[in-house]
Amino acid sequence: FDEKAEYKIYIKICRKPDKSLTYLQWKDHILSHIISIEKGKNTNIENFKHYLIYRQRQEKNMLHCLVSVLIPVYILFLTVYFTLPDVAQMSSNLILFTNIIITFIIIAVFGKKYGKISMYINFFDDVIQIINEYKSDK
């Protein structure tokens, strides 16, 4: 199971469904991996599922860290934006403009990272759900 390759396929399904596999085709593809894991001697489905849960927890922790940084930056941005007339009188417009641009860039970068991590968590949710459905059908 190549996590990165499967994630790339998952992204295509979510973002460009008309140019990729359907969800059911992808689900069958994932099931083929699950069946081959189950037939292997070195591991089993429960170990694989636990690994996915572990990876999902790592991504959730990263998401929480991002949020703990992003929220104060966002509050700073709003504070500067709403106090713009008062700040403009106290400092030069260039410094104010630079601070707004830097804050906006930080928010954009963290926002993009937040979206990527959220998608990874959804990917793990879907694979775990497929495993659970497979196990319940047996």
C-alpha atoms as a PDB file:
ATOM      1  CA  PHE A   1       0.000   0.000   0.000  1.00  0.00           C
ATOM      2  CA  ASP A   2       1.698   3.163  -1.223  1.00  0.00           C
ATOM      3  CA  GLU A   3       0.094   5.883   0.883  1.00  0.00           C
ATOM      4  CA  LYS A   4       1.362   8.799  -1.216  1.00  0.00           C
ATOM      5  CA  ALA A   5       0.299   7.252  -4.535  1.00  0.00           C
ATOM      6  CA  GLU A   6      -3.146   6.374  -3.191  1.00  0.00           C
ATOM      7  CA  TYR A   7      -3.523   9.883  -1.771  1.00  0.00           C
ATOM      8  CA  LYS A   8      -2.753  11.399  -5.190  1.00  0.00           C
ATOM      9  CA  ILE A   9      -5.491   9.267  -6.736  1.00  0.00           C
ATOM     10  CA  TYR A  10      -7.857  10.301  -3.930  1.00  0.00           C
ATOM     11  CA  ILE A  11      -7.117  13.993  -4.551  1.00  0.00           C
ATOM     12  CA  LYS A  12      -7.958  13.594  -8.245  1.00  0.00           C
ATOM     13  CA  ILE A  13     -11.236  11.898  -7.356  1.00  0.00           C
ATOM     14  CA  CYS A  14     -12.175  14.742  -4.991  1.00  0.00           C
ATOM     15  CA  ARG A  15     -10.996  17.699  -7.069  1.00  0.00           C
ATOM     16  CA  LYS A  16     -11.446  16.508 -10.668  1.00  0.00           C
ATOM     17  CA  PRO A  17     -13.969  13.672 -10.642  1.00  0.00           C
ATOM     18  CA  ASP A  18     -14.591  13.857 -14.388  1.00  0.00           C
ATOM     19  CA  LYS A  19     -10.881  13.223 -15.126  1.00  0.00           C
ATOM     20  CA  SER A  20     -10.203  10.368 -12.714  1.00  0.00           C
ATOM     21  CA  LEU A  21     -11.518   7.132 -11.287  1.00  0.00           C
ATOM     22  CA  THR A  22     -14.944   7.128  -9.747  1.00  0.00           C
ATOM     23  CA  TYR A  23     -15.154   6.662  -6.009  1.00  0.00           C
ATOM     24  CA  LEU A  24     -16.431   3.097  -6.479  1.00  0.00           C
ATOM     25  CA  GLN A  25     -13.527   2.258  -8.782  1.00  0.00           C
ATOM     26  CA  TRP A  26     -11.110   3.671  -6.224  1.00  0.00           C
ATOM     27  CA  LYS A  27     -12.883   1.746  -3.459  1.00  0.00           C
ATOM     28  CA  ASP A  28     -12.431  -1.500  -5.419  1.00  0.00           C
ATOM     29  CA  HIS A  29      -8.772  -0.590  -5.931  1.00  0.00           C
ATOM     30  CA  ILE A  30      -8.327  -0.070  -2.170  1.00  0.00           C
ATOM     31  CA  LEU A  31     -10.167  -3.329  -1.489  1.00  0.00           C
ATOM     32  CA  SER A  32      -7.664  -5.150  -3.703  1.00  0.00           C
ATOM     33  CA  HIS A  33      -4.882  -3.805  -1.460  1.00  0.00           C
ATOM     34  CA  ILE A  34      -6.773  -4.845   1.659  1.00  0.00           C
ATOM     35  CA  ILE A  35      -7.302  -8.358   0.325  1.00  0.00           C
ATOM     36  CA  SER A  36      -3.617  -8.686  -0.557  1.00  0.00           C
ATOM     37  CA  ILE A  37      -2.650  -7.453   2.912  1.00  0.00           C
ATOM     38  CA  GLU A  38      -4.995  -9.970   4.457  1.00  0.00           C
ATOM     39  CA  LYS A  39      -3.377 -12.786   2.467  1.00  0.00           C
ATOM     40  CA  GLY A  40       0.134 -11.683   3.455  1.00  0.00           C
ATOM     41  CA  LYS A  41       1.955 -13.434   6.236  1.00  0.00           C
ATOM     42  CA  ASN A  42       3.752 -10.448   7.747  1.00  0.00           C
ATOM     43  CA  THR A  43       0.734  -8.344   8.657  1.00  0.00           C
ATOM     44  CA  ASN A  44      -3.031  -8.382   8.944  1.00  0.00           C
ATOM     45  CA  ILE A  45      -5.942  -6.016   8.448  1.00  0.00           C
ATOM     46  CA  GLU A  46      -6.046  -4.937  12.115  1.00  0.00           C
ATOM     47  CA  ASN A  47      -2.370  -3.925  12.063  1.00  0.00           C
ATOM     48  CA  PHE A  48      -2.895  -2.006   8.829  1.00  0.00           C
ATOM     49  CA  LYS A  49      -6.008  -0.306  10.203  1.00  0.00           C
ATOM     50  CA  HIS A  50      -4.109   0.640  13.358  1.00  0.00           C
ATOM     51  CA  TYR A  51      -1.332   2.136  11.212  1.00  0.00           C
ATOM     52  CA  LEU A  52      -3.930   4.232   9.340  1.00  0.00           C
ATOM     53  CA  ILE A  53      -5.468   5.397  12.617  1.00  0.00           C
ATOM     54  CA  TYR A  54      -1.988   6.328  13.876  1.00  0.00           C
ATOM     55  CA  ARG A  55      -1.268   8.328  10.701  1.00  0.00           C
ATOM     56  CA  GLN A  56      -4.661  10.009  10.932  1.00  0.00           C
ATOM     57  CA  ARG A  57      -3.923  11.045  14.518  1.00  0.00           C
ATOM     58  CA  GLN A  58      -0.594  12.514  13.413  1.00  0.00           C
ATOM     59  CA  GLU A  59      -2.362  14.603  10.784  1.00  0.00           C
ATOM     60  CA  LYS A  60      -5.026  15.708  13.274  1.00  0.00           C
ATOM     61  CA  ASN A  61      -2.309  16.812  15.708  1.00  0.00           C
ATOM     62  CA  MET A  62      -0.644  18.796  12.925  1.00  0.00           C
ATOM     63  CA  LEU A  63      -4.002  20.379  12.113  1.00  0.00           C
ATOM     64  CA  HIS A  64      -4.471  21.412  15.748  1.00  0.00           C
ATOM     65  CA  CYS A  65      -0.997  22.975  15.782  1.00  0.00           C
ATOM     66  CA  LEU A  66      -1.767  24.895  12.601  1.00  0.00           C
ATOM     67  CA  VAL A  67      -5.030  26.189  14.028  1.00  0.00           C
ATOM     68  CA  SER A  68      -3.306  27.307  17.215  1.00  0.00           C
ATOM     69  CA  VAL A  69      -0.978  29.451  15.099  1.00  0.00           C
ATOM     70  CA  LEU A  70      -3.470  30.531  12.457  1.00  0.00           C
ATOM     71  CA  ILE A  71      -6.133  31.901  14.800  1.00  0.00           C
ATOM     72  CA  PRO A  72      -3.878  34.487  16.515  1.00  0.00           C
ATOM     73  CA  VAL A  73      -2.505  35.567  13.126  1.00  0.00           C
ATOM     74  CA  TYR A  74      -6.037  35.907  11.789  1.00  0.00           C
ATOM     75  CA  ILE A  75      -7.039  37.957  14.844  1.00  0.00           C
ATOM     76  CA  LEU A  76      -3.979  40.159  14.290  1.00  0.00           C
ATOM     77  CA  PHE A  77      -5.017  40.661  10.660  1.00  0.00           C
ATOM     78  CA  LEU A  78      -8.562  41.645  11.660  1.00  0.00           C
ATOM     79  CA  THR A  79      -7.274  43.955  14.384  1.00  0.00           C
ATOM     80  CA  VAL A  80      -4.978  45.758  11.968  1.00  0.00           C
ATOM     81  CA  TYR A  81      -7.716  45.938   9.338  1.00  0.00           C
ATOM     82  CA  PHE A  82     -10.329  47.412  11.688  1.00  0.00           C
ATOM     83  CA  THR A  83      -7.906  49.856  13.313  1.00  0.00           C
ATOM     84  CA  LEU A  84      -6.450  50.896   9.964  1.00  0.00           C
ATOM     85  CA  PRO A  85      -7.434  54.592  10.190  1.00  0.00           C
ATOM     86  CA  ASP A  86      -5.922  54.960  13.690  1.00  0.00           C
ATOM     87  CA  VAL A  87      -2.747  53.065  12.784  1.00  0.00           C
ATOM     88  CA  ALA A  88      -2.331  55.012   9.543  1.00  0.00           C
ATOM     89  CA  GLN A  89      -2.181  58.234  11.511  1.00  0.00           C
ATOM     90  CA  MET A  90       0.526  56.895  13.837  1.00  0.00           C
ATOM     91  CA  SER A  91       2.870  55.238  11.345  1.00  0.00           C
ATOM     92  CA  SER A  92       3.805  55.454   7.715  1.00  0.00           C
ATOM     93  CA  ASN A  93       1.526  53.910   5.127  1.00  0.00           C
ATOM     94  CA  LEU A  94       4.348  51.773   3.749  1.00  0.00           C
ATOM     95  CA  ILE A  95       4.954  49.991   7.059  1.00  0.00           C
ATOM     96  CA  LEU A  96       1.232  49.429   7.513  1.00  0.00           C
ATOM     97  CA  PHE A  97       0.836  48.093   3.983  1.00  0.00           C
ATOM     98  CA  THR A  98       3.833  45.776   4.442  1.00  0.00           C
ATOM     99  CA  ASN A  99       2.405  44.384   7.689  1.00  0.00           C
ATOM    100  CA  ILE A 100      -0.968  43.735   6.064  1.00  0.00           C
ATOM    101  CA  ILE A 101       0.635  41.963   3.091  1.00  0.00           C
ATOM    102  CA  ILE A 102       2.873  39.800   5.309  1.00  0.00           C
ATOM    103  CA  THR A 103      -0.076  38.854   7.517  1.00  0.00           C
ATOM    104  CA  PHE A 104      -2.211  38.030   4.488  1.00  0.00           C
ATOM    105  CA  ILE A 105       0.543  35.828   3.018  1.00  0.00           C
ATOM    106  CA  ILE A 106       0.908  33.958   6.312  1.00  0.00           C
ATOM    107  CA  ILE A 107      -2.853  33.355   6.423  1.00  0.00           C
ATOM    108  CA  ALA A 108      -2.864  32.153   2.800  1.00  0.00           C
ATOM    109  CA  VAL A 109       0.041  29.743   3.322  1.00  0.00           C
ATOM    110  CA  PHE A 110      -1.398  28.326   6.529  1.00  0.00           C
ATOM    111  CA  GLY A 111      -4.845  28.101   4.926  1.00  0.00           C
ATOM    112  CA  LYS A 112      -3.476  26.050   2.046  1.00  0.00           C
ATOM    113  CA  LYS A 113      -1.633  23.751   4.463  1.00  0.00           C
ATOM    114  CA  TYR A 114      -4.833  23.422   6.523  1.00  0.00           C
ATOM    115  CA  GLY A 115      -6.736  22.286   3.429  1.00  0.00           C
ATOM    116  CA  LYS A 116      -4.086  19.707   2.530  1.00  0.00           C
ATOM    117  CA  ILE A 117      -4.001  18.226   6.032  1.00  0.00           C
ATOM    118  CA  SER A 118      -7.810  18.137   6.176  1.00  0.00           C
ATOM    119  CA  MET A 119      -7.879  16.221   2.894  1.00  0.00           C
ATOM    120  CA  TYR A 120      -5.329  13.745   4.235  1.00  0.00           C
ATOM    121  CA  ILE A 121      -7.540  13.145   7.289  1.00  0.00           C
ATOM    122  CA  ASN A 122     -10.517  12.544   4.982  1.00  0.00           C
ATOM    123  CA  PHE A 123      -8.402  10.097   2.967  1.00  0.00           C
ATOM    124  CA  PHE A 124      -7.607   8.093   6.092  1.00  0.00           C
ATOM    125  CA  ASP A 125     -11.279   8.205   7.132  1.00  0.00           C
ATOM    126  CA  ASP A 126     -12.347   6.752   3.784  1.00  0.00           C
ATOM    127  CA  VAL A 127      -9.744   3.965   3.789  1.00  0.00           C
ATOM    128  CA  ILE A 128     -10.630   3.043   7.384  1.00  0.00           C
ATOM    129  CA  GLN A 129     -14.318   3.030   6.452  1.00  0.00           C
ATOM    130  CA  ILE A 130     -13.591   0.715   3.503  1.00  0.00           C
ATOM    131  CA  ILE A 131     -11.713  -1.638   5.850  1.00  0.00           C
ATOM    132  CA  ASN A 132     -14.595  -1.603   8.328  1.00  0.00           C
ATOM    133  CA  GLU A 133     -17.117  -2.356   5.573  1.00  0.00           C
ATOM    134  CA  TYR A 134     -14.915  -5.181   4.271  1.00  0.00           C
ATOM    135  CA  LYS A 135     -14.614  -6.688   7.742  1.00  0.00           C
ATOM    136  CA  SER A 136     -18.371  -6.464   8.385  1.00  0.00           C
ATOM    137  CA  ASP A 137     -19.177  -8.146   5.054  1.00  0.00           C
ATOM    138  CA  LYS A 138     -17.080 -11.193   5.936  1.00  0.00           C
END
